[in-house]
Amino acid sequence: MDASTRQQEHHTGSSAAAALVARRLAVVTVTYNSASVLSGLLDSLNAGLEGVEQYEVIVVDNDSHDHSVDLALAHPIGARVIRTGRNAGYSAAINAATATIDPSADLLVLNPDIRLQRGCISSLYAGLRSAAGVAVPQVLGEDGGISRSIRREPSLVTAWSEALLGGKLAARLGLGEIVDGAAVYREGGPIEWATGAILLVSAEARKAVGEWDESFFLYSEEVDYLRRVRAAGLEVLYVPQAFAVHIGGDYHSSPFLTALMTANRIKYYRRYHNPSASVLFRLGIIVGEAMRLAVGLGHRSAFRAAVGLSGGLQADRLRAVL
């Protein structure tokens, strides 16, 4: 490497570091009876935010019945706690936090069961080029394996492919909602959306998109938000050089949450498509879940949610049972 190349790389690195120092970041996590996982997240922030100079940590608590709030207040990271006083839902909790932060601040949304790896957020910022509104990292499971966290926009093709072929085969064939191809997980780049356990949202995207849609309460809110990011002419970027571990998986063991996730998938699709397409999308889910009724309780819950969607899964009912 010659001297001019070294000087150029040093200048580029110095400029990037200076730009990162100048940015302000609000780190937001939403808790609801999250005491078993919250400490692990807060413990990981110092290493995960290495290189980020200006940040604050905000814990928004949706009326937990455990000691989530006490853990947040006692943790040395110095989190500011916002108590909603009710089970307000994920989007409403994020909105409660963003209403208190400067419009010029970027937003880092984290599930309480995320564990940031060292330098994760600096790496996300490095990938957050000017055209990007949101950056997401490579998400790892507890076993260290790469989670298939990248998704395609829900469509008739994805719904019916998953119904007839099953989610895993549809993903391998490039027809399902889950993106399974190794190249994008290795190389990164623009994507349609990713699971919302960890999202770095630029101040520019916050300004362009506005608040999170509180009507979803839980599940599909990130699909809607990231669609609006793309509609604003900004990119959603997958940055494989940034790493985070996600414990996750509550909906797998909760029939009610599985039903809610199914209902919100249909609700989201119906919002952006005509009635005929929406009926076909819903029918695809019904057929797929009906074919798997004997497999487990989750499929039975999803089937009932899809068939009985006209009655709805109301947010007030969810608040009452969770």
C-alpha atoms as a PDB file:
ATOM      1  CA  MET A   1       0.000   0.000   0.000  1.00  0.00           C
ATOM      2  CA  ASP A   2       1.510   3.325  -1.045  1.00  0.00           C
ATOM      3  CA  ALA A   3       1.554   6.481   1.056  1.00  0.00           C
ATOM      4  CA  SER A   4      -1.249   8.213  -0.843  1.00  0.00           C
ATOM      5  CA  THR A   5      -3.569   5.213  -0.353  1.00  0.00           C
ATOM      6  CA  ARG A   6      -2.774   5.070   3.362  1.00  0.00           C
ATOM      7  CA  GLN A   7      -3.406   8.794   3.671  1.00  0.00           C
ATOM      8  CA  GLN A   8      -6.743   8.489   1.843  1.00  0.00           C
ATOM      9  CA  GLU A   9      -7.874   5.589   4.057  1.00  0.00           C
ATOM     10  CA  HIS A  10      -6.829   7.486   7.178  1.00  0.00           C
ATOM     11  CA  HIS A  11      -8.772  10.545   6.018  1.00  0.00           C
ATOM     12  CA  THR A  12     -11.849   8.433   5.253  1.00  0.00           C
ATOM     13  CA  GLY A  13     -11.647   6.703   8.633  1.00  0.00           C
ATOM     14  CA  SER A  14     -11.160   9.999  10.444  1.00  0.00           C
ATOM     15  CA  SER A  15     -14.123  11.563   8.619  1.00  0.00           C
ATOM     16  CA  ALA A  16     -16.346   8.597   9.478  1.00  0.00           C
ATOM     17  CA  ALA A  17     -15.289   8.716  13.120  1.00  0.00           C
ATOM     18  CA  ALA A  18     -15.938  12.452  13.288  1.00  0.00           C
ATOM     19  CA  ALA A  19     -19.366  12.008  11.716  1.00  0.00           C
ATOM     20  CA  LEU A  20     -20.208   9.282  14.217  1.00  0.00           C
ATOM     21  CA  VAL A  21     -19.157  11.426  17.169  1.00  0.00           C
ATOM     22  CA  ALA A  22     -21.416  14.218  15.899  1.00  0.00           C
ATOM     23  CA  ARG A  23     -24.527  12.014  15.738  1.00  0.00           C
ATOM     24  CA  ARG A  24     -26.911  11.744  18.668  1.00  0.00           C
ATOM     25  CA  LEU A  25     -28.558   8.429  19.425  1.00  0.00           C
ATOM     26  CA  ALA A  26     -31.565   7.433  21.516  1.00  0.00           C
ATOM     27  CA  VAL A  27     -31.473   3.752  22.494  1.00  0.00           C
ATOM     28  CA  VAL A  28     -35.011   2.542  23.203  1.00  0.00           C
ATOM     29  CA  THR A  29     -36.210  -0.784  24.545  1.00  0.00           C
ATOM     30  CA  VAL A  30     -39.776  -1.697  25.433  1.00  0.00           C
ATOM     31  CA  THR A  31     -40.414  -3.892  28.447  1.00  0.00           C
ATOM     32  CA  TYR A  32     -43.391  -5.906  29.559  1.00  0.00           C
ATOM     33  CA  ASN A  33     -42.505  -8.366  32.327  1.00  0.00           C
ATOM     34  CA  SER A  34     -39.015  -8.502  30.840  1.00  0.00           C
ATOM     35  CA  ALA A  35     -36.968  -8.850  34.036  1.00  0.00           C
ATOM     36  CA  SER A  36     -35.552 -12.220  32.996  1.00  0.00           C
ATOM     37  CA  VAL A  37     -33.849 -10.765  29.912  1.00  0.00           C
ATOM     38  CA  LEU A  38     -33.482  -7.016  30.462  1.00  0.00           C
ATOM     39  CA  SER A  39     -30.255  -7.071  32.477  1.00  0.00           C
ATOM     40  CA  GLY A  40     -28.483  -8.977  29.710  1.00  0.00           C
ATOM     41  CA  LEU A  41     -29.397  -6.310  27.181  1.00  0.00           C
ATOM     42  CA  LEU A  42     -28.309  -3.439  29.403  1.00  0.00           C
ATOM     43  CA  ASP A  43     -25.075  -5.265  30.234  1.00  0.00           C
ATOM     44  CA  SER A  44     -24.261  -5.497  26.512  1.00  0.00           C
ATOM     45  CA  LEU A  45     -24.731  -1.812  25.715  1.00  0.00           C
ATOM     46  CA  ASN A  46     -21.287  -0.525  26.715  1.00  0.00           C
ATOM     47  CA  ALA A  47     -19.525  -2.885  24.328  1.00  0.00           C
ATOM     48  CA  GLY A  48     -22.210  -2.659  21.654  1.00  0.00           C
ATOM     49  CA  LEU A  49     -22.132   1.160  21.622  1.00  0.00           C
ATOM     50  CA  GLU A  50     -18.338   1.388  21.573  1.00  0.00           C
ATOM     51  CA  GLY A  51     -17.347   4.398  19.468  1.00  0.00           C
ATOM     52  CA  VAL A  52     -20.728   6.110  19.849  1.00  0.00           C
ATOM     53  CA  GLU A  53     -20.150   9.210  21.967  1.00  0.00           C
ATOM     54  CA  GLN A  54     -23.591  10.798  22.370  1.00  0.00           C
ATOM     55  CA  TYR A  55     -26.360   8.467  23.421  1.00  0.00           C
ATOM     56  CA  GLU A  56     -29.050   8.015  26.012  1.00  0.00           C
ATOM     57  CA  VAL A  57     -30.802   4.804  27.022  1.00  0.00           C
ATOM     58  CA  ILE A  58     -34.574   4.824  27.449  1.00  0.00           C
ATOM     59  CA  VAL A  59     -36.591   1.943  28.871  1.00  0.00           C
ATOM     60  CA  VAL A  60     -40.315   2.236  28.182  1.00  0.00           C
ATOM     61  CA  ASP A  61     -42.260  -0.012  30.514  1.00  0.00           C
ATOM     62  CA  ASN A  62     -45.755  -1.184  29.583  1.00  0.00           C
ATOM     63  CA  ASP A  63     -46.999  -1.671  33.157  1.00  0.00           C
ATOM     64  CA  SER A  64     -44.870  -4.704  34.006  1.00  0.00           C
ATOM     65  CA  HIS A  65     -45.921  -6.810  36.970  1.00  0.00           C
ATOM     66  CA  ASP A  66     -42.366  -7.983  37.660  1.00  0.00           C
ATOM     67  CA  HIS A  67     -39.297  -5.927  38.642  1.00  0.00           C
ATOM     68  CA  SER A  68     -38.354  -4.738  35.136  1.00  0.00           C
ATOM     69  CA  VAL A  69     -38.514  -1.090  36.201  1.00  0.00           C
ATOM     70  CA  ASP A  70     -36.384  -1.667  39.292  1.00  0.00           C
ATOM     71  CA  LEU A  71     -33.737  -3.435  37.216  1.00  0.00           C
ATOM     72  CA  ALA A  72     -33.668  -0.610  34.692  1.00  0.00           C
ATOM     73  CA  LEU A  73     -33.354   2.082  37.354  1.00  0.00           C
ATOM     74  CA  ALA A  74     -30.627   0.248  39.238  1.00  0.00           C
ATOM     75  CA  HIS A  75     -28.467  -0.614  36.230  1.00  0.00           C
ATOM     76  CA  PRO A  76     -25.230   1.414  35.922  1.00  0.00           C
ATOM     77  CA  ILE A  77     -25.924   2.237  32.267  1.00  0.00           C
ATOM     78  CA  GLY A  78     -28.123   5.052  33.635  1.00  0.00           C
ATOM     79  CA  ALA A  79     -31.322   4.366  31.726  1.00  0.00           C
ATOM     80  CA  ARG A  80     -34.185   6.824  31.770  1.00  0.00           C
ATOM     81  CA  VAL A  81     -37.449   4.999  32.459  1.00  0.00           C
ATOM     82  CA  ILE A  82     -40.810   5.974  30.983  1.00  0.00           C
ATOM     83  CA  ARG A  83     -43.809   4.280  32.561  1.00  0.00           C
ATOM     84  CA  THR A  84     -46.788   4.125  30.210  1.00  0.00           C
ATOM     85  CA  GLY A  85     -49.073   3.004  33.041  1.00  0.00           C
ATOM     86  CA  ARG A  86     -50.775   0.477  30.774  1.00  0.00           C
ATOM     87  CA  ASN A  87     -50.006  -2.336  28.375  1.00  0.00           C
ATOM     88  CA  ALA A  88     -49.805   0.155  25.537  1.00  0.00           C
ATOM     89  CA  GLY A  89     -48.295  -2.033  22.831  1.00  0.00           C
ATOM     90  CA  TYR A  90     -44.937  -1.927  21.105  1.00  0.00           C
ATOM     91  CA  SER A  91     -45.550   0.963  18.722  1.00  0.00           C
ATOM     92  CA  ALA A  92     -47.186   3.145  21.350  1.00  0.00           C
ATOM     93  CA  ALA A  93     -44.228   2.581  23.676  1.00  0.00           C
ATOM     94  CA  ILE A  94     -41.741   3.553  20.965  1.00  0.00           C
ATOM     95  CA  ASN A  95     -43.802   6.648  20.218  1.00  0.00           C
ATOM     96  CA  ALA A  96     -43.816   7.522  23.913  1.00  0.00           C
ATOM     97  CA  ALA A  97     -40.014   7.485  23.835  1.00  0.00           C
ATOM     98  CA  THR A  98     -39.549   9.369  20.571  1.00  0.00           C
ATOM     99  CA  ALA A  99     -41.897  12.110  21.800  1.00  0.00           C
ATOM    100  CA  THR A 100     -39.279  12.922  24.445  1.00  0.00           C
ATOM    101  CA  ILE A 101     -36.140  12.975  22.279  1.00  0.00           C
ATOM    102  CA  ASP A 102     -34.687  15.586  19.960  1.00  0.00           C
ATOM    103  CA  PRO A 103     -35.866  15.309  16.334  1.00  0.00           C
ATOM    104  CA  SER A 104     -32.225  15.367  15.233  1.00  0.00           C
ATOM    105  CA  ALA A 105     -31.410  12.190  17.153  1.00  0.00           C
ATOM    106  CA  ASP A 106     -31.166   8.782  15.513  1.00  0.00           C
ATOM    107  CA  LEU A 107     -33.194   5.965  17.050  1.00  0.00           C
ATOM    108  CA  LEU A 108     -31.970   2.498  18.000  1.00  0.00           C
ATOM    109  CA  VAL A 109     -34.871   0.157  18.766  1.00  0.00           C
ATOM    110  CA  LEU A 110     -33.918  -2.979  20.694  1.00  0.00           C
ATOM    111  CA  ASN A 111     -35.909  -5.880  22.038  1.00  0.00           C
ATOM    112  CA  PRO A 112     -34.957  -6.577  25.657  1.00  0.00           C
ATOM    113  CA  ASP A 113     -33.745 -10.041  24.610  1.00  0.00           C
ATOM    114  CA  ILE A 114     -31.131  -8.619  22.219  1.00  0.00           C
ATOM    115  CA  ARG A 115     -27.444  -8.801  23.146  1.00  0.00           C
ATOM    116  CA  LEU A 116     -25.224  -6.368  21.243  1.00  0.00           C
ATOM    117  CA  GLN A 117     -21.799  -7.589  20.235  1.00  0.00           C
ATOM    118  CA  ARG A 118     -18.797  -5.274  20.547  1.00  0.00           C
ATOM    119  CA  GLY A 119     -18.864  -2.395  18.071  1.00  0.00           C
ATOM    120  CA  CYS A 120     -22.224  -3.427  16.637  1.00  0.00           C
ATOM    121  CA  ILE A 121     -23.690   0.060  16.399  1.00  0.00           C
ATOM    122  CA  SER A 122     -20.546   1.684  14.992  1.00  0.00           C
ATOM    123  CA  SER A 123     -20.626  -0.966  12.265  1.00  0.00           C
ATOM    124  CA  LEU A 124     -24.301  -0.209  11.616  1.00  0.00           C
ATOM    125  CA  TYR A 125     -23.493   3.480  11.300  1.00  0.00           C
ATOM    126  CA  ALA A 126     -20.713   2.670   8.837  1.00  0.00           C
ATOM    127  CA  GLY A 127     -23.312   0.995   6.671  1.00  0.00           C
ATOM    128  CA  LEU A 128     -25.867   3.770   7.060  1.00  0.00           C
ATOM    129  CA  ARG A 129     -24.962   5.637   3.901  1.00  0.00           C
ATOM    130  CA  SER A 130     -26.773   8.773   2.811  1.00  0.00           C
ATOM    131  CA  ALA A 131     -29.574   6.990   0.948  1.00  0.00           C
ATOM    132  CA  ALA A 132     -30.309   4.683   3.868  1.00  0.00           C
ATOM    133  CA  GLY A 133     -32.982   5.325   6.433  1.00  0.00           C
ATOM    134  CA  VAL A 134     -32.621   2.155   8.494  1.00  0.00           C
ATOM    135  CA  ALA A 135     -29.761  -0.270   9.110  1.00  0.00           C
ATOM    136  CA  VAL A 136     -30.054  -3.750  10.605  1.00  0.00           C
ATOM    137  CA  PRO A 137     -27.263  -6.089  11.711  1.00  0.00           C
ATOM    138  CA  GLN A 138     -26.549  -9.735  11.229  1.00  0.00           C
ATOM    139  CA  VAL A 139     -28.625 -11.421  13.934  1.00  0.00           C
ATOM    140  CA  LEU A 140     -27.264 -14.554  15.567  1.00  0.00           C
ATOM    141  CA  GLY A 141     -29.053 -17.179  17.598  1.00  0.00           C
ATOM    142  CA  GLU A 142     -27.891 -18.226  21.019  1.00  0.00           C
ATOM    143  CA  ASP A 143     -26.005 -21.089  19.339  1.00  0.00           C
ATOM    144  CA  GLY A 144     -24.060 -18.629  17.181  1.00  0.00           C
ATOM    145  CA  GLY A 145     -25.862 -19.558  13.980  1.00  0.00           C
ATOM    146  CA  ILE A 146     -27.067 -16.861  11.584  1.00  0.00           C
ATOM    147  CA  SER A 147     -30.762 -16.125  12.006  1.00  0.00           C
ATOM    148  CA  ARG A 148     -32.670 -15.744   8.756  1.00  0.00           C
ATOM    149  CA  SER A 149     -33.947 -12.325   9.794  1.00  0.00           C
ATOM    150  CA  ILE A 150     -34.386 -10.747   6.330  1.00  0.00           C
ATOM    151  CA  ARG A 151     -37.882 -10.777   4.848  1.00  0.00           C
ATOM    152  CA  ARG A 152     -39.668 -10.126   1.573  1.00  0.00           C
ATOM    153  CA  GLU A 153     -42.750  -7.955   1.405  1.00  0.00           C
ATOM    154  CA  PRO A 154     -45.828 -10.152   2.038  1.00  0.00           C
ATOM    155  CA  SER A 155     -47.494 -11.087  -1.255  1.00  0.00           C
ATOM    156  CA  LEU A 156     -49.800 -13.630  -2.820  1.00  0.00           C
ATOM    157  CA  VAL A 157     -46.710 -15.513  -4.003  1.00  0.00           C
ATOM    158  CA  THR A 158     -45.197 -15.721  -0.514  1.00  0.00           C
ATOM    159  CA  ALA A 159     -48.500 -16.618   1.170  1.00  0.00           C
ATOM    160  CA  TRP A 160     -49.430 -19.396  -1.243  1.00  0.00           C
ATOM    161  CA  SER A 161     -45.875 -20.731  -1.590  1.00  0.00           C
ATOM    162  CA  GLU A 162     -45.622 -21.103   2.170  1.00  0.00           C
ATOM    163  CA  ALA A 163     -49.092 -22.639   2.309  1.00  0.00           C
ATOM    164  CA  LEU A 164     -48.451 -25.281  -0.337  1.00  0.00           C
ATOM    165  CA  LEU A 165     -44.737 -25.925   0.116  1.00  0.00           C
ATOM    166  CA  GLY A 166     -44.153 -25.072   3.760  1.00  0.00           C
ATOM    167  CA  GLY A 167     -42.110 -22.162   5.035  1.00  0.00           C
ATOM    168  CA  LYS A 168     -38.702 -23.843   4.888  1.00  0.00           C
ATOM    169  CA  LEU A 169     -38.980 -25.146   1.338  1.00  0.00           C
ATOM    170  CA  ALA A 170     -40.541 -21.902   0.094  1.00  0.00           C
ATOM    171  CA  ALA A 171     -37.633 -19.990   1.637  1.00  0.00           C
ATOM    172  CA  ARG A 172     -35.036 -22.266   0.033  1.00  0.00           C
ATOM    173  CA  LEU A 173     -36.690 -21.788  -3.357  1.00  0.00           C
ATOM    174  CA  GLY A 174     -36.781 -18.001  -2.947  1.00  0.00           C
ATOM    175  CA  LEU A 175     -40.570 -17.898  -2.917  1.00  0.00           C
ATOM    176  CA  GLY A 176     -41.378 -17.378   0.753  1.00  0.00           C
ATOM    177  CA  GLU A 177     -41.371 -14.352   2.999  1.00  0.00           C
ATOM    178  CA  ILE A 178     -38.160 -15.462   4.711  1.00  0.00           C
ATOM    179  CA  VAL A 179     -35.037 -14.704   2.652  1.00  0.00           C
ATOM    180  CA  ASP A 180     -32.796 -17.761   2.825  1.00  0.00           C
ATOM    181  CA  GLY A 181     -30.118 -17.052   0.216  1.00  0.00           C
ATOM    182  CA  ALA A 182     -26.600 -17.017   1.633  1.00  0.00           C
ATOM    183  CA  ALA A 183     -25.324 -14.158  -0.532  1.00  0.00           C
ATOM    184  CA  VAL A 184     -27.267 -11.308   1.081  1.00  0.00           C
ATOM    185  CA  TYR A 185     -26.386 -12.525   4.583  1.00  0.00           C
ATOM    186  CA  ARG A 186     -22.740 -12.572   3.561  1.00  0.00           C
ATOM    187  CA  GLU A 187     -22.556  -9.399   1.459  1.00  0.00           C
ATOM    188  CA  GLY A 188     -25.382  -7.233   2.822  1.00  0.00           C
ATOM    189  CA  GLY A 189     -27.123  -4.439   0.959  1.00  0.00           C
ATOM    190  CA  PRO A 190     -30.654  -3.090   0.467  1.00  0.00           C
ATOM    191  CA  ILE A 191     -33.513  -5.302   1.643  1.00  0.00           C
ATOM    192  CA  GLU A 192     -37.284  -4.931   1.928  1.00  0.00           C
ATOM    193  CA  TRP A 193     -37.574  -5.482   5.662  1.00  0.00           C
ATOM    194  CA  ALA A 194     -36.153  -7.418   8.593  1.00  0.00           C
ATOM    195  CA  THR A 195     -37.505  -8.579  11.910  1.00  0.00           C
ATOM    196  CA  GLY A 196     -37.800  -5.615  14.252  1.00  0.00           C
ATOM    197  CA  ALA A 197     -35.757  -6.872  17.199  1.00  0.00           C
ATOM    198  CA  ILE A 198     -32.991  -4.382  16.369  1.00  0.00           C
ATOM    199  CA  LEU A 199     -33.323  -1.400  14.032  1.00  0.00           C
ATOM    200  CA  LEU A 200     -31.117   1.670  13.687  1.00  0.00           C
ATOM    201  CA  VAL A 201     -33.378   4.424  12.327  1.00  0.00           C
ATOM    202  CA  SER A 202     -31.795   7.640  11.094  1.00  0.00           C
ATOM    203  CA  ALA A 203     -33.144  11.025  12.121  1.00  0.00           C
ATOM    204  CA  GLU A 204     -33.899  11.628   8.440  1.00  0.00           C
ATOM    205  CA  ALA A 205     -36.106   8.532   8.328  1.00  0.00           C
ATOM    206  CA  ARG A 206     -37.836   9.518  11.563  1.00  0.00           C
ATOM    207  CA  LYS A 207     -38.698  12.884  10.059  1.00  0.00           C
ATOM    208  CA  ALA A 208     -39.893  11.404   6.774  1.00  0.00           C
ATOM    209  CA  VAL A 209     -41.953   8.545   8.214  1.00  0.00           C
ATOM    210  CA  GLY A 210     -43.370   9.934  11.432  1.00  0.00           C
ATOM    211  CA  GLU A 211     -44.773   7.854  14.257  1.00  0.00           C
ATOM    212  CA  TRP A 212     -45.105   4.097  14.443  1.00  0.00           C
ATOM    213  CA  ASP A 213     -48.613   2.803  13.729  1.00  0.00           C
ATOM    214  CA  GLU A 214     -50.163   1.974  17.096  1.00  0.00           C
ATOM    215  CA  SER A 215     -53.090   0.082  15.573  1.00  0.00           C
ATOM    216  CA  PHE A 216     -50.929  -3.032  15.181  1.00  0.00           C
ATOM    217  CA  PHE A 217     -50.209  -3.230  18.940  1.00  0.00           C
ATOM    218  CA  LEU A 218     -47.739  -6.101  18.447  1.00  0.00           C
ATOM    219  CA  TYR A 219     -46.365  -7.770  15.284  1.00  0.00           C
ATOM    220  CA  SER A 220     -46.290  -6.328  11.741  1.00  0.00           C
ATOM    221  CA  GLU A 221     -45.591  -2.831  13.057  1.00  0.00           C
ATOM    222  CA  GLU A 222     -42.031  -3.065  11.758  1.00  0.00           C
ATOM    223  CA  VAL A 223     -43.252  -4.301   8.355  1.00  0.00           C
ATOM    224  CA  ASP A 224     -45.473  -1.244   8.097  1.00  0.00           C
ATOM    225  CA  TYR A 225     -42.788   1.154   9.343  1.00  0.00           C
ATOM    226  CA  LEU A 226     -40.113  -0.149   6.975  1.00  0.00           C
ATOM    227  CA  ARG A 227     -42.538  -0.044   4.050  1.00  0.00           C
ATOM    228  CA  ARG A 228     -43.053   3.636   4.796  1.00  0.00           C
ATOM    229  CA  VAL A 229     -39.280   4.141   4.990  1.00  0.00           C
ATOM    230  CA  ARG A 230     -38.918   2.703   1.482  1.00  0.00           C
ATOM    231  CA  ALA A 231     -41.905   4.724   0.243  1.00  0.00           C
ATOM    232  CA  ALA A 232     -40.075   7.849   1.415  1.00  0.00           C
ATOM    233  CA  GLY A 233     -37.224   7.025  -0.972  1.00  0.00           C
ATOM    234  CA  LEU A 234     -34.876   5.712   1.727  1.00  0.00           C
ATOM    235  CA  GLU A 235     -33.218   2.318   1.887  1.00  0.00           C
ATOM    236  CA  VAL A 236     -33.334  -0.414   4.499  1.00  0.00           C
ATOM    237  CA  LEU A 237     -29.824  -1.861   4.673  1.00  0.00           C
ATOM    238  CA  TYR A 238     -28.577  -5.184   5.985  1.00  0.00           C
ATOM    239  CA  VAL A 239     -25.072  -4.770   7.443  1.00  0.00           C
ATOM    240  CA  PRO A 240     -23.412  -8.174   7.995  1.00  0.00           C
ATOM    241  CA  GLN A 241     -20.351  -6.625   9.670  1.00  0.00           C
ATOM    242  CA  ALA A 242     -22.543  -5.713  12.684  1.00  0.00           C
ATOM    243  CA  PHE A 243     -23.538  -8.507  15.046  1.00  0.00           C
ATOM    244  CA  ALA A 244     -26.239  -8.975  17.672  1.00  0.00           C
ATOM    245  CA  VAL A 245     -27.590 -12.059  19.428  1.00  0.00           C
ATOM    246  CA  HIS A 246     -31.346 -12.514  19.708  1.00  0.00           C
ATOM    247  CA  ILE A 247     -32.788 -14.916  22.253  1.00  0.00           C
ATOM    248  CA  GLY A 248     -36.382 -14.379  21.092  1.00  0.00           C
ATOM    249  CA  GLY A 249     -39.195 -16.729  20.268  1.00  0.00           C
ATOM    250  CA  ASP A 250     -42.060 -15.943  22.678  1.00  0.00           C
ATOM    251  CA  TYR A 251     -44.710 -16.375  20.013  1.00  0.00           C
ATOM    252  CA  HIS A 252     -43.590 -19.974  19.362  1.00  0.00           C
ATOM    253  CA  SER A 253     -44.790 -20.987  22.821  1.00  0.00           C
ATOM    254  CA  SER A 254     -47.866 -18.743  23.034  1.00  0.00           C
ATOM    255  CA  PRO A 255     -50.974 -19.694  21.035  1.00  0.00           C
ATOM    256  CA  PHE A 256     -52.460 -16.256  21.615  1.00  0.00           C
ATOM    257  CA  LEU A 257     -49.378 -14.440  20.307  1.00  0.00           C
ATOM    258  CA  THR A 258     -49.285 -16.782  17.308  1.00  0.00           C
ATOM    259  CA  ALA A 259     -52.905 -15.888  16.603  1.00  0.00           C
ATOM    260  CA  LEU A 260     -52.181 -12.186  16.975  1.00  0.00           C
ATOM    261  CA  MET A 261     -49.216 -12.401  14.613  1.00  0.00           C
ATOM    262  CA  THR A 262     -51.394 -14.144  12.025  1.00  0.00           C
ATOM    263  CA  ALA A 263     -54.204 -11.614  12.364  1.00  0.00           C
ATOM    264  CA  ASN A 264     -51.793  -8.709  11.963  1.00  0.00           C
ATOM    265  CA  ARG A 265     -50.181 -10.242   8.865  1.00  0.00           C
ATOM    266  CA  ILE A 266     -53.596 -10.253   7.212  1.00  0.00           C
ATOM    267  CA  LYS A 267     -54.448  -6.803   8.541  1.00  0.00           C
ATOM    268  CA  TYR A 268     -51.188  -5.391   7.167  1.00  0.00           C
ATOM    269  CA  TYR A 269     -51.692  -6.919   3.715  1.00  0.00           C
ATOM    270  CA  ARG A 270     -55.285  -5.725   3.563  1.00  0.00           C
ATOM    271  CA  ARG A 271     -54.175  -2.162   4.309  1.00  0.00           C
ATOM    272  CA  TYR A 272     -52.079  -1.900   1.148  1.00  0.00           C
ATOM    273  CA  HIS A 273     -53.965  -4.096  -1.318  1.00  0.00           C
ATOM    274  CA  ASN A 274     -57.381  -4.266  -2.916  1.00  0.00           C
ATOM    275  CA  PRO A 275     -60.182  -6.429  -1.445  1.00  0.00           C
ATOM    276  CA  SER A 276     -59.818  -9.243  -3.990  1.00  0.00           C
ATOM    277  CA  ALA A 277     -56.101  -9.645  -3.402  1.00  0.00           C
ATOM    278  CA  SER A 278     -56.651  -9.446   0.357  1.00  0.00           C
ATOM    279  CA  VAL A 279     -59.193 -12.289   0.236  1.00  0.00           C
ATOM    280  CA  LEU A 280     -56.725 -14.450  -1.707  1.00  0.00           C
ATOM    281  CA  PHE A 281     -53.911 -13.632   0.714  1.00  0.00           C
ATOM    282  CA  ARG A 282     -56.056 -14.555   3.695  1.00  0.00           C
ATOM    283  CA  LEU A 283     -57.220 -17.730   1.953  1.00  0.00           C
ATOM    284  CA  GLY A 284     -53.606 -18.735   1.387  1.00  0.00           C
ATOM    285  CA  ILE A 285     -52.933 -18.499   5.101  1.00  0.00           C
ATOM    286  CA  ILE A 286     -56.118 -20.417   5.934  1.00  0.00           C
ATOM    287  CA  VAL A 287     -55.198 -23.215   3.516  1.00  0.00           C
ATOM    288  CA  GLY A 288     -51.640 -23.435   4.818  1.00  0.00           C
ATOM    289  CA  GLU A 289     -52.660 -23.571   8.460  1.00  0.00           C
ATOM    290  CA  ALA A 290     -55.499 -26.027   7.720  1.00  0.00           C
ATOM    291  CA  MET A 291     -53.014 -28.392   6.095  1.00  0.00           C
ATOM    292  CA  ARG A 292     -50.979 -28.358   9.312  1.00  0.00           C
ATOM    293  CA  LEU A 293     -53.675 -28.489  11.981  1.00  0.00           C
ATOM    294  CA  ALA A 294     -52.362 -31.791  13.277  1.00  0.00           C
ATOM    295  CA  VAL A 295     -48.807 -30.487  13.644  1.00  0.00           C
ATOM    296  CA  GLY A 296     -49.325 -28.358  16.726  1.00  0.00           C
ATOM    297  CA  LEU A 297     -51.296 -25.858  18.752  1.00  0.00           C
ATOM    298  CA  GLY A 298     -49.655 -22.897  17.032  1.00  0.00           C
ATOM    299  CA  HIS A 299     -51.074 -23.860  13.635  1.00  0.00           C
ATOM    300  CA  ARG A 300     -54.512 -24.361  15.147  1.00  0.00           C
ATOM    301  CA  SER A 301     -54.336 -20.913  16.752  1.00  0.00           C
ATOM    302  CA  ALA A 302     -53.201 -19.327  13.500  1.00  0.00           C
ATOM    303  CA  PHE A 303     -55.994 -21.084  11.593  1.00  0.00           C
ATOM    304  CA  ARG A 304     -58.658 -19.835  13.990  1.00  0.00           C
ATOM    305  CA  ALA A 305     -57.254 -16.298  13.793  1.00  0.00           C
ATOM    306  CA  ALA A 306     -57.293 -16.319   9.988  1.00  0.00           C
ATOM    307  CA  VAL A 307     -60.773 -17.811   9.715  1.00  0.00           C
ATOM    308  CA  GLY A 308     -62.260 -15.587  12.418  1.00  0.00           C
ATOM    309  CA  LEU A 309     -60.502 -12.368  11.493  1.00  0.00           C
ATOM    310  CA  SER A 310     -63.803 -10.545  10.966  1.00  0.00           C
ATOM    311  CA  GLY A 311     -64.313 -10.694  14.716  1.00  0.00           C
ATOM    312  CA  GLY A 312     -60.779  -9.391  15.219  1.00  0.00           C
ATOM    313  CA  LEU A 313     -58.221  -9.822  17.938  1.00  0.00           C
ATOM    314  CA  GLN A 314     -58.794  -6.604  19.779  1.00  0.00           C
ATOM    315  CA  ALA A 315     -55.962  -4.770  21.504  1.00  0.00           C
ATOM    316  CA  ASP A 316     -58.074  -4.308  24.629  1.00  0.00           C
ATOM    317  CA  ARG A 317     -58.507  -8.074  24.852  1.00  0.00           C
ATOM    318  CA  LEU A 318     -54.754  -8.528  24.497  1.00  0.00           C
ATOM    319  CA  ARG A 319     -54.114  -5.983  27.246  1.00  0.00           C
ATOM    320  CA  ALA A 320     -56.478  -7.874  29.496  1.00  0.00           C
ATOM    321  CA  VAL A 321     -54.938 -11.307  29.048  1.00  0.00           C
ATOM    322  CA  LEU A 322     -51.213 -10.552  28.875  1.00  0.00           C
END
